[in-house]
Amino acid sequence: MFQARGASLSRVTNGVRSDPTAWTDDRHKRGLAGEEQAIQYLLSRGWHILAHRFRVGHKARRGTAFGSPLEAVTGAKRRELVKAARVWVDRHGRPADVYRFDCIALIDNKLEHLADAFRPGWR
């Protein structure tokens, strides 16, 4: 979960539950590396990181054979993300705030940021 400048929520620790150096699945390592790259990008633009690695159970994509990572954010995936975000907001957020989803894609180490990609429908 990320937050723009000026807002105030309590900081939440990351969701890594095991030592990444012990991971044997390259998809997990690639996913964490991509997430760290996205975090650095957001930090460089003045965002504050409240939490990360809040899992929904899916893994990073390996390539673009089935479309770009942004194209993979289908209606079904949006619903899963919104459900996970609802849990996060219930535990750590402020339900009265307005929330939005940005999407970040990494293709061949090139980062693409789609700001305000969609909004949750819970309000």
N, C-alpha and C. Protein backbone atom coordinates (compact mmCIF):
# COMPACT_ATOMS: atom_id res chain seq x y z
N MET A 1 0.85 -1.17 0.00
CA MET A 1 0.00 0.00 0.00
C MET A 1 0.89 1.23 0.00
N PHE A 2 0.52 2.17 -0.81
CA PHE A 2 1.30 3.37 -0.96
C PHE A 2 0.43 4.57 -0.67
N GLN A 3 1.05 5.67 -0.40
CA GLN A 3 0.29 6.86 -0.04
C GLN A 3 1.02 8.08 -0.56
N ALA A 4 0.26 9.02 -1.06
CA ALA A 4 0.83 10.26 -1.57
C ALA A 4 1.27 11.15 -0.42
N ARG A 5 2.05 12.16 -0.77
CA ARG A 5 2.51 13.13 0.22
C ARG A 5 1.36 13.75 0.99
N GLY A 6 1.62 14.09 2.24
CA GLY A 6 0.65 14.84 3.03
C GLY A 6 -0.34 14.01 3.81
N ALA A 7 -0.64 12.80 3.38
CA ALA A 7 -1.60 11.97 4.11
C ALA A 7 -0.89 11.31 5.29
N SER A 8 -1.66 10.89 6.29
CA SER A 8 -1.01 10.27 7.44
C SER A 8 -1.75 9.02 7.87
N LEU A 9 -1.06 7.91 7.76
CA LEU A 9 -1.52 6.62 8.26
C LEU A 9 -0.33 6.00 8.99
N SER A 10 -0.60 5.10 9.90
CA SER A 10 0.50 4.47 10.60
C SER A 10 1.28 3.56 9.65
N ARG A 11 2.58 3.49 9.85
CA ARG A 11 3.43 2.66 9.01
C ARG A 11 3.21 1.19 9.36
N VAL A 12 3.18 0.36 8.34
CA VAL A 12 2.98 -1.07 8.51
C VAL A 12 4.22 -1.76 7.95
N THR A 13 4.69 -2.80 8.62
CA THR A 13 5.87 -3.50 8.15
C THR A 13 5.56 -4.31 6.91
N ASN A 14 6.62 -4.76 6.22
CA ASN A 14 6.40 -5.53 5.00
C ASN A 14 5.89 -6.92 5.33
N GLY A 15 5.40 -7.59 4.33
CA GLY A 15 4.77 -8.89 4.53
C GLY A 15 5.65 -10.08 4.23
N VAL A 16 6.97 -9.88 4.10
CA VAL A 16 7.87 -11.00 3.84
C VAL A 16 7.93 -11.86 5.09
N ARG A 17 7.51 -13.11 4.96
CA ARG A 17 7.42 -13.99 6.13
C ARG A 17 8.59 -14.96 6.23
N SER A 18 9.48 -14.94 5.24
CA SER A 18 10.63 -15.82 5.28
C SER A 18 11.84 -15.08 4.73
N ASP A 19 12.99 -15.66 4.85
CA ASP A 19 14.23 -15.05 4.41
C ASP A 19 14.36 -15.18 2.89
N PRO A 20 14.31 -14.06 2.15
CA PRO A 20 14.39 -14.14 0.68
C PRO A 20 15.66 -14.81 0.17
N THR A 21 16.76 -14.79 0.94
CA THR A 21 17.98 -15.44 0.46
C THR A 21 17.84 -16.97 0.44
N ALA A 22 16.85 -17.49 1.16
CA ALA A 22 16.63 -18.93 1.19
C ALA A 22 15.62 -19.40 0.15
N TRP A 23 15.01 -18.46 -0.56
CA TRP A 23 14.01 -18.82 -1.56
C TRP A 23 14.66 -19.57 -2.71
N THR A 24 14.00 -20.62 -3.17
CA THR A 24 14.52 -21.40 -4.30
C THR A 24 13.74 -21.14 -5.58
N ASP A 25 12.56 -20.59 -5.48
CA ASP A 25 11.73 -20.32 -6.65
C ASP A 25 12.11 -18.96 -7.23
N ASP A 26 12.64 -18.98 -8.46
CA ASP A 26 13.07 -17.74 -9.11
C ASP A 26 11.93 -16.75 -9.30
N ARG A 27 10.69 -17.24 -9.40
CA ARG A 27 9.55 -16.33 -9.56
C ARG A 27 9.38 -15.45 -8.32
N HIS A 28 9.59 -16.04 -7.15
CA HIS A 28 9.49 -15.26 -5.91
C HIS A 28 10.58 -14.20 -5.86
N LYS A 29 11.80 -14.60 -6.21
CA LYS A 29 12.93 -13.65 -6.20
C LYS A 29 12.69 -12.52 -7.21
N ARG A 30 12.22 -12.88 -8.40
CA ARG A 30 11.95 -11.89 -9.44
C ARG A 30 10.82 -10.95 -9.01
N GLY A 31 9.81 -11.50 -8.36
CA GLY A 31 8.70 -10.68 -7.88
C GLY A 31 9.15 -9.68 -6.82
N LEU A 32 9.99 -10.14 -5.88
CA LEU A 32 10.49 -9.25 -4.84
C LEU A 32 11.39 -8.17 -5.44
N ALA A 33 12.25 -8.55 -6.38
CA ALA A 33 13.13 -7.56 -7.03
C ALA A 33 12.32 -6.52 -7.78
N GLY A 34 11.28 -6.95 -8.48
CA GLY A 34 10.41 -6.02 -9.19
C GLY A 34 9.67 -5.10 -8.24
N GLU A 35 9.21 -5.65 -7.12
CA GLU A 35 8.52 -4.83 -6.14
C GLU A 35 9.46 -3.80 -5.53
N GLU A 36 10.69 -4.20 -5.26
CA GLU A 36 11.66 -3.25 -4.72
C GLU A 36 11.97 -2.14 -5.72
N GLN A 37 12.03 -2.48 -7.01
CA GLN A 37 12.25 -1.46 -8.04
C GLN A 37 11.07 -0.49 -8.09
N ALA A 38 9.85 -1.00 -8.01
CA ALA A 38 8.66 -0.15 -8.00
C ALA A 38 8.64 0.75 -6.77
N ILE A 39 9.04 0.21 -5.63
CA ILE A 39 9.07 0.99 -4.39
C ILE A 39 10.07 2.14 -4.53
N GLN A 40 11.25 1.86 -5.06
CA GLN A 40 12.25 2.92 -5.25
C GLN A 40 11.73 4.00 -6.18
N TYR A 41 11.03 3.58 -7.23
CA TYR A 41 10.43 4.54 -8.16
C TYR A 41 9.45 5.46 -7.43
N LEU A 42 8.56 4.88 -6.64
CA LEU A 42 7.56 5.67 -5.92
C LEU A 42 8.21 6.57 -4.87
N LEU A 43 9.19 6.06 -4.15
CA LEU A 43 9.89 6.88 -3.16
C LEU A 43 10.55 8.08 -3.82
N SER A 44 11.11 7.88 -5.00
CA SER A 44 11.79 8.98 -5.70
C SER A 44 10.80 10.06 -6.15
N ARG A 45 9.53 9.72 -6.16
CA ARG A 45 8.50 10.68 -6.55
C ARG A 45 7.70 11.21 -5.36
N GLY A 46 8.22 10.99 -4.16
CA GLY A 46 7.62 11.58 -2.96
C GLY A 46 6.55 10.74 -2.29
N TRP A 47 6.34 9.50 -2.70
CA TRP A 47 5.37 8.64 -2.04
C TRP A 47 5.96 8.08 -0.76
N HIS A 48 5.11 7.65 0.16
CA HIS A 48 5.51 6.99 1.39
C HIS A 48 4.99 5.56 1.32
N ILE A 49 5.83 4.60 1.66
CA ILE A 49 5.44 3.20 1.62
C ILE A 49 4.87 2.81 2.98
N LEU A 50 3.62 2.42 3.00
CA LEU A 50 2.97 2.02 4.24
C LEU A 50 3.10 0.51 4.48
N ALA A 51 3.03 -0.26 3.41
CA ALA A 51 3.13 -1.71 3.51
C ALA A 51 3.44 -2.26 2.13
N HIS A 52 4.05 -3.41 2.11
CA HIS A 52 4.23 -4.10 0.83
C HIS A 52 4.26 -5.60 1.08
N ARG A 53 4.15 -6.36 0.02
CA ARG A 53 4.06 -7.81 0.07
C ARG A 53 2.79 -8.29 0.77
N PHE A 54 1.73 -7.53 0.66
CA PHE A 54 0.43 -7.95 1.19
C PHE A 54 -0.14 -8.88 0.14
N ARG A 55 0.03 -10.18 0.33
CA ARG A 55 -0.22 -11.19 -0.71
C ARG A 55 -1.68 -11.51 -0.93
N VAL A 56 -1.95 -11.83 -2.19
CA VAL A 56 -3.25 -12.34 -2.58
C VAL A 56 -3.09 -13.75 -3.13
N GLY A 57 -1.86 -14.19 -3.31
CA GLY A 57 -1.63 -15.56 -3.75
C GLY A 57 -1.10 -15.72 -5.16
N HIS A 58 -0.99 -14.65 -5.93
CA HIS A 58 -0.51 -14.77 -7.30
C HIS A 58 0.96 -14.40 -7.38
N LYS A 59 1.58 -14.84 -8.48
CA LYS A 59 3.02 -14.65 -8.65
C LYS A 59 3.30 -13.76 -9.85
N ALA A 60 4.55 -13.36 -9.98
CA ALA A 60 4.96 -12.50 -11.08
C ALA A 60 4.90 -13.25 -12.41
N ARG A 61 4.62 -12.49 -13.47
CA ARG A 61 4.62 -13.06 -14.81
C ARG A 61 6.04 -13.10 -15.34
N ARG A 62 6.32 -14.04 -16.19
CA ARG A 62 7.67 -14.21 -16.71
C ARG A 62 7.91 -13.41 -17.98
N GLY A 63 6.93 -13.22 -18.81
CA GLY A 63 7.15 -12.54 -20.08
C GLY A 63 5.89 -11.90 -20.59
N THR A 64 5.92 -11.52 -21.86
CA THR A 64 4.77 -10.83 -22.46
C THR A 64 4.05 -11.70 -23.49
N ALA A 65 4.28 -13.00 -23.47
CA ALA A 65 3.66 -13.89 -24.45
C ALA A 65 2.13 -13.82 -24.40
N PHE A 66 1.58 -13.54 -23.25
CA PHE A 66 0.13 -13.45 -23.10
C PHE A 66 -0.32 -12.02 -22.87
N GLY A 67 0.47 -11.06 -23.34
CA GLY A 67 0.14 -9.65 -23.19
C GLY A 67 1.02 -8.98 -22.16
N SER A 68 0.92 -7.68 -22.08
CA SER A 68 1.74 -6.93 -21.14
C SER A 68 1.23 -7.13 -19.71
N PRO A 69 2.06 -6.84 -18.73
CA PRO A 69 1.61 -6.95 -17.34
C PRO A 69 0.38 -6.08 -17.06
N LEU A 70 0.32 -4.91 -17.68
CA LEU A 70 -0.84 -4.05 -17.45
C LEU A 70 -2.11 -4.66 -18.04
N GLU A 71 -1.99 -5.36 -19.16
CA GLU A 71 -3.15 -6.02 -19.75
C GLU A 71 -3.63 -7.19 -18.89
N ALA A 72 -2.75 -7.69 -18.02
CA ALA A 72 -3.11 -8.81 -17.15
C ALA A 72 -4.00 -8.38 -15.99
N VAL A 73 -4.14 -7.08 -15.78
CA VAL A 73 -4.99 -6.59 -14.69
C VAL A 73 -6.43 -6.56 -15.22
N THR A 74 -6.99 -7.74 -15.30
CA THR A 74 -8.35 -7.93 -15.83
C THR A 74 -9.37 -7.60 -14.75
N GLY A 75 -10.63 -7.67 -15.10
CA GLY A 75 -11.69 -7.44 -14.13
C GLY A 75 -11.61 -8.39 -12.95
N ALA A 76 -11.30 -9.67 -13.23
CA ALA A 76 -11.19 -10.65 -12.14
C ALA A 76 -10.03 -10.30 -11.21
N LYS A 77 -8.90 -9.90 -11.79
CA LYS A 77 -7.75 -9.54 -10.96
C LYS A 77 -8.03 -8.27 -10.16
N ARG A 78 -8.74 -7.33 -10.77
CA ARG A 78 -9.11 -6.11 -10.05
C ARG A 78 -9.97 -6.46 -8.84
N ARG A 79 -10.91 -7.37 -9.01
CA ARG A 79 -11.76 -7.77 -7.89
C ARG A 79 -10.93 -8.40 -6.77
N GLU A 80 -9.94 -9.23 -7.13
CA GLU A 80 -9.07 -9.84 -6.12
C GLU A 80 -8.25 -8.78 -5.40
N LEU A 81 -7.72 -7.81 -6.14
CA LEU A 81 -6.94 -6.74 -5.53
C LEU A 81 -7.79 -5.90 -4.59
N VAL A 82 -9.01 -5.60 -5.01
CA VAL A 82 -9.91 -4.80 -4.18
C VAL A 82 -10.27 -5.57 -2.90
N LYS A 83 -10.49 -6.89 -3.00
CA LYS A 83 -10.78 -7.68 -1.80
C LYS A 83 -9.60 -7.65 -0.83
N ALA A 84 -8.39 -7.80 -1.34
CA ALA A 84 -7.20 -7.74 -0.48
C ALA A 84 -7.04 -6.35 0.12
N ALA A 85 -7.29 -5.32 -0.67
CA ALA A 85 -7.18 -3.95 -0.18
C ALA A 85 -8.22 -3.67 0.91
N ARG A 86 -9.40 -4.23 0.74
CA ARG A 86 -10.44 -4.05 1.76
C ARG A 86 -9.98 -4.62 3.10
N VAL A 87 -9.33 -5.79 3.07
CA VAL A 87 -8.80 -6.39 4.29
C VAL A 87 -7.74 -5.47 4.88
N TRP A 88 -6.85 -4.95 4.04
CA TRP A 88 -5.80 -4.06 4.52
C TRP A 88 -6.39 -2.80 5.15
N VAL A 89 -7.36 -2.20 4.47
CA VAL A 89 -7.99 -0.98 5.00
C VAL A 89 -8.69 -1.27 6.32
N ASP A 90 -9.37 -2.40 6.41
CA ASP A 90 -10.04 -2.77 7.66
C ASP A 90 -9.05 -2.93 8.81
N ARG A 91 -7.86 -3.44 8.52
CA ARG A 91 -6.87 -3.68 9.57
C ARG A 91 -6.02 -2.46 9.88
N HIS A 92 -5.65 -1.69 8.85
CA HIS A 92 -4.63 -0.66 9.04
C HIS A 92 -5.02 0.73 8.54
N GLY A 93 -6.03 0.83 7.72
CA GLY A 93 -6.32 2.10 7.08
C GLY A 93 -7.40 2.91 7.75
N ARG A 94 -7.87 3.86 6.99
CA ARG A 94 -8.99 4.69 7.43
C ARG A 94 -10.09 4.53 6.38
N PRO A 95 -11.13 3.79 6.71
CA PRO A 95 -12.17 3.47 5.73
C PRO A 95 -12.81 4.68 5.07
N ALA A 96 -12.82 5.83 5.71
CA ALA A 96 -13.45 7.01 5.12
C ALA A 96 -12.60 7.66 4.03
N ASP A 97 -11.32 7.32 3.97
CA ASP A 97 -10.45 7.89 2.93
C ASP A 97 -10.84 7.38 1.55
N VAL A 98 -10.43 8.11 0.54
CA VAL A 98 -10.64 7.70 -0.85
C VAL A 98 -9.39 6.96 -1.30
N TYR A 99 -9.57 5.77 -1.85
CA TYR A 99 -8.46 4.94 -2.29
C TYR A 99 -8.50 4.77 -3.80
N ARG A 100 -7.31 4.62 -4.38
CA ARG A 100 -7.20 4.36 -5.82
C ARG A 100 -6.12 3.31 -6.02
N PHE A 101 -6.12 2.69 -7.18
CA PHE A 101 -5.11 1.71 -7.52
C PHE A 101 -4.29 2.22 -8.68
N ASP A 102 -2.98 2.22 -8.50
CA ASP A 102 -2.05 2.48 -9.58
C ASP A 102 -1.47 1.13 -9.98
N CYS A 103 -1.08 0.98 -11.23
CA CYS A 103 -0.44 -0.26 -11.68
C CYS A 103 0.98 0.07 -12.15
N ILE A 104 1.92 -0.76 -11.78
CA ILE A 104 3.30 -0.61 -12.24
C ILE A 104 3.70 -1.90 -12.92
N ALA A 105 4.22 -1.77 -14.13
CA ALA A 105 4.67 -2.92 -14.91
C ALA A 105 6.17 -2.79 -15.15
N LEU A 106 6.86 -3.92 -15.10
CA LEU A 106 8.27 -3.96 -15.43
C LEU A 106 8.46 -4.93 -16.59
N ILE A 107 8.94 -4.41 -17.69
CA ILE A 107 9.21 -5.24 -18.86
C ILE A 107 10.65 -4.97 -19.27
N ASP A 108 11.48 -6.00 -19.25
CA ASP A 108 12.90 -5.85 -19.58
C ASP A 108 13.54 -4.71 -18.80
N ASN A 109 13.27 -4.66 -17.51
CA ASN A 109 13.80 -3.64 -16.59
C ASN A 109 13.33 -2.23 -16.88
N LYS A 110 12.33 -2.07 -17.75
CA LYS A 110 11.73 -0.76 -18.01
C LYS A 110 10.44 -0.67 -17.21
N LEU A 111 10.32 0.38 -16.43
CA LEU A 111 9.16 0.56 -15.56
C LEU A 111 8.12 1.43 -16.23
N GLU A 112 6.87 0.98 -16.17
CA GLU A 112 5.74 1.77 -16.68
C GLU A 112 4.73 1.93 -15.55
N HIS A 113 4.33 3.17 -15.28
CA HIS A 113 3.42 3.48 -14.17
C HIS A 113 2.11 4.00 -14.74
N LEU A 114 1.04 3.31 -14.45
CA LEU A 114 -0.30 3.73 -14.85
C LEU A 114 -0.99 4.27 -13.60
N ALA A 115 -0.95 5.61 -13.44
CA ALA A 115 -1.54 6.25 -12.26
C ALA A 115 -3.05 6.21 -12.33
N ASP A 116 -3.68 5.99 -11.18
CA ASP A 116 -5.14 5.97 -11.07
C ASP A 116 -5.76 5.01 -12.08
N ALA A 117 -5.21 3.80 -12.13
CA ALA A 117 -5.67 2.79 -13.09
C ALA A 117 -7.13 2.41 -12.87
N PHE A 118 -7.52 2.31 -11.60
CA PHE A 118 -8.92 2.03 -11.27
C PHE A 118 -9.16 2.37 -9.82
N ARG A 119 -10.44 2.46 -9.46
CA ARG A 119 -10.84 2.76 -8.08
C ARG A 119 -11.68 1.63 -7.54
N PRO A 120 -11.57 1.36 -6.24
CA PRO A 120 -12.42 0.32 -5.66
C PRO A 120 -13.87 0.80 -5.64
N GLY A 121 -14.78 -0.11 -5.71
CA GLY A 121 -16.18 0.26 -5.73
C GLY A 121 -16.88 0.16 -4.39
N TRP A 122 -16.11 0.20 -3.29
CA TRP A 122 -16.75 0.01 -1.98
C TRP A 122 -17.33 1.27 -1.39
N ARG A 123 -17.22 2.43 -2.02
CA ARG A 123 -17.76 3.67 -1.47
C ARG A 123 -19.00 4.09 -2.21
